[in-house]
Amino acid sequence: MHINLNAMGTRMKRRRKELKMSQAELAEKVNVSNNHISSIETGKQIPSLTTFVKICEQLDLSLIHISEP
């Protein structure tokens, strides 16, 4: 299975903005750095499974749909 990191990051960023949440707020809620959230949203880094699940929970996103191409 191939995961398009750019598309995944774009979906996360779109949802975060819909919730009017800053990167810093999301980072605090999932216990990672603001820079890590930025890198995930731009497709430069792959989140750990634990971080990915926490982000999806905070953004109320399905784990399946966020990673689909």
C-alpha atoms as a PDB file:
ATOM      1  CA  MET A   1       0.000   0.000   0.000  1.00  0.00           C
ATOM      2  CA  HIS A   2       1.358   3.384  -1.006  1.00  0.00           C
ATOM      3  CA  ILE A   3       0.433   6.419   1.097  1.00  0.00           C
ATOM      4  CA  ASN A   4       0.644   9.841  -0.494  1.00  0.00           C
ATOM      5  CA  LEU A   5       2.170  11.857   2.349  1.00  0.00           C
ATOM      6  CA  ASN A   6       1.444  15.201   0.679  1.00  0.00           C
ATOM      7  CA  ALA A   7      -2.256  14.377   0.278  1.00  0.00           C
ATOM      8  CA  MET A   8      -2.472  13.072   3.834  1.00  0.00           C
ATOM      9  CA  GLY A   9      -0.827  16.227   5.187  1.00  0.00           C
ATOM     10  CA  THR A  10      -3.122  18.427   3.117  1.00  0.00           C
ATOM     11  CA  ARG A  11      -6.201  16.663   4.521  1.00  0.00           C
ATOM     12  CA  MET A  12      -4.910  17.067   8.059  1.00  0.00           C
ATOM     13  CA  LYS A  13      -4.147  20.747   7.543  1.00  0.00           C
ATOM     14  CA  ARG A  14      -7.560  21.407   5.961  1.00  0.00           C
ATOM     15  CA  ARG A  15      -9.362  19.750   8.870  1.00  0.00           C
ATOM     16  CA  ARG A  16      -7.216  21.536  11.467  1.00  0.00           C
ATOM     17  CA  LYS A  17      -8.101  24.870   9.885  1.00  0.00           C
ATOM     18  CA  GLU A  18     -11.803  23.920   9.738  1.00  0.00           C
ATOM     19  CA  LEU A  19     -11.584  23.431  13.501  1.00  0.00           C
ATOM     20  CA  LYS A  20      -9.809  26.803  13.817  1.00  0.00           C
ATOM     21  CA  MET A  21      -6.885  25.095  15.516  1.00  0.00           C
ATOM     22  CA  SER A  22      -3.302  26.277  15.177  1.00  0.00           C
ATOM     23  CA  GLN A  23      -0.389  23.943  14.566  1.00  0.00           C
ATOM     24  CA  ALA A  24       0.860  24.793  18.047  1.00  0.00           C
ATOM     25  CA  GLU A  25      -2.469  23.811  19.619  1.00  0.00           C
ATOM     26  CA  LEU A  26      -2.551  20.495  17.769  1.00  0.00           C
ATOM     27  CA  ALA A  27       1.091  19.835  18.628  1.00  0.00           C
ATOM     28  CA  GLU A  28       0.379  20.400  22.311  1.00  0.00           C
ATOM     29  CA  LYS A  29      -2.636  18.083  22.248  1.00  0.00           C
ATOM     30  CA  VAL A  30      -0.685  15.222  20.654  1.00  0.00           C
ATOM     31  CA  ASN A  31       2.547  15.929  22.566  1.00  0.00           C
ATOM     32  CA  VAL A  32       4.845  16.658  19.624  1.00  0.00           C
ATOM     33  CA  SER A  33       6.615  19.797  18.454  1.00  0.00           C
ATOM     34  CA  ASN A  34       5.021  22.443  16.283  1.00  0.00           C
ATOM     35  CA  ASN A  35       7.768  21.773  13.726  1.00  0.00           C
ATOM     36  CA  HIS A  36       6.810  18.095  13.589  1.00  0.00           C
ATOM     37  CA  ILE A  37       3.170  18.973  12.823  1.00  0.00           C
ATOM     38  CA  SER A  38       4.370  21.334  10.102  1.00  0.00           C
ATOM     39  CA  SER A  39       6.596  18.641   8.605  1.00  0.00           C
ATOM     40  CA  ILE A  40       3.744  16.122   8.624  1.00  0.00           C
ATOM     41  CA  GLU A  41       1.365  18.590   6.954  1.00  0.00           C
ATOM     42  CA  THR A  42       3.879  19.303   4.203  1.00  0.00           C
ATOM     43  CA  GLY A  43       4.639  15.612   3.640  1.00  0.00           C
ATOM     44  CA  LYS A  44       8.258  15.916   4.760  1.00  0.00           C
ATOM     45  CA  GLN A  45       7.932  13.523   7.701  1.00  0.00           C
ATOM     46  CA  ILE A  46       5.934  10.399   8.408  1.00  0.00           C
ATOM     47  CA  PRO A  47       4.252  10.418  11.815  1.00  0.00           C
ATOM     48  CA  SER A  48       4.639   7.410  14.083  1.00  0.00           C
ATOM     49  CA  LEU A  49       1.526   5.269  14.305  1.00  0.00           C
ATOM     50  CA  THR A  50       0.871   6.575  17.814  1.00  0.00           C
ATOM     51  CA  THR A  51       1.161  10.197  16.690  1.00  0.00           C
ATOM     52  CA  PHE A  52      -0.970   9.530  13.607  1.00  0.00           C
ATOM     53  CA  VAL A  53      -3.755   8.038  15.741  1.00  0.00           C
ATOM     54  CA  LYS A  54      -3.599  10.951  18.206  1.00  0.00           C
ATOM     55  CA  ILE A  55      -3.784  13.506  15.385  1.00  0.00           C
ATOM     56  CA  CYS A  56      -6.753  11.735  13.828  1.00  0.00           C
ATOM     57  CA  GLU A  57      -8.505  11.639  17.208  1.00  0.00           C
ATOM     58  CA  GLN A  58      -7.931  15.355  17.812  1.00  0.00           C
ATOM     59  CA  LEU A  59      -9.112  16.257  14.306  1.00  0.00           C
ATOM     60  CA  ASP A  60     -11.992  13.753  14.409  1.00  0.00           C
ATOM     61  CA  LEU A  61     -10.749  12.091  11.219  1.00  0.00           C
ATOM     62  CA  SER A  62     -11.080   8.480  10.143  1.00  0.00           C
ATOM     63  CA  LEU A  63      -7.766   6.636  10.080  1.00  0.00           C
ATOM     64  CA  ILE A  64      -8.782   4.990   6.808  1.00  0.00           C
ATOM     65  CA  HIS A  65      -9.928   8.048   4.864  1.00  0.00           C
ATOM     66  CA  ILE A  66      -7.050  10.331   5.834  1.00  0.00           C
ATOM     67  CA  SER A  67      -4.495   7.968   4.328  1.00  0.00           C
ATOM     68  CA  GLU A  68      -6.351   7.153   1.094  1.00  0.00           C
ATOM     69  CA  PRO A  69      -4.925   8.598  -2.126  1.00  0.00           C
END
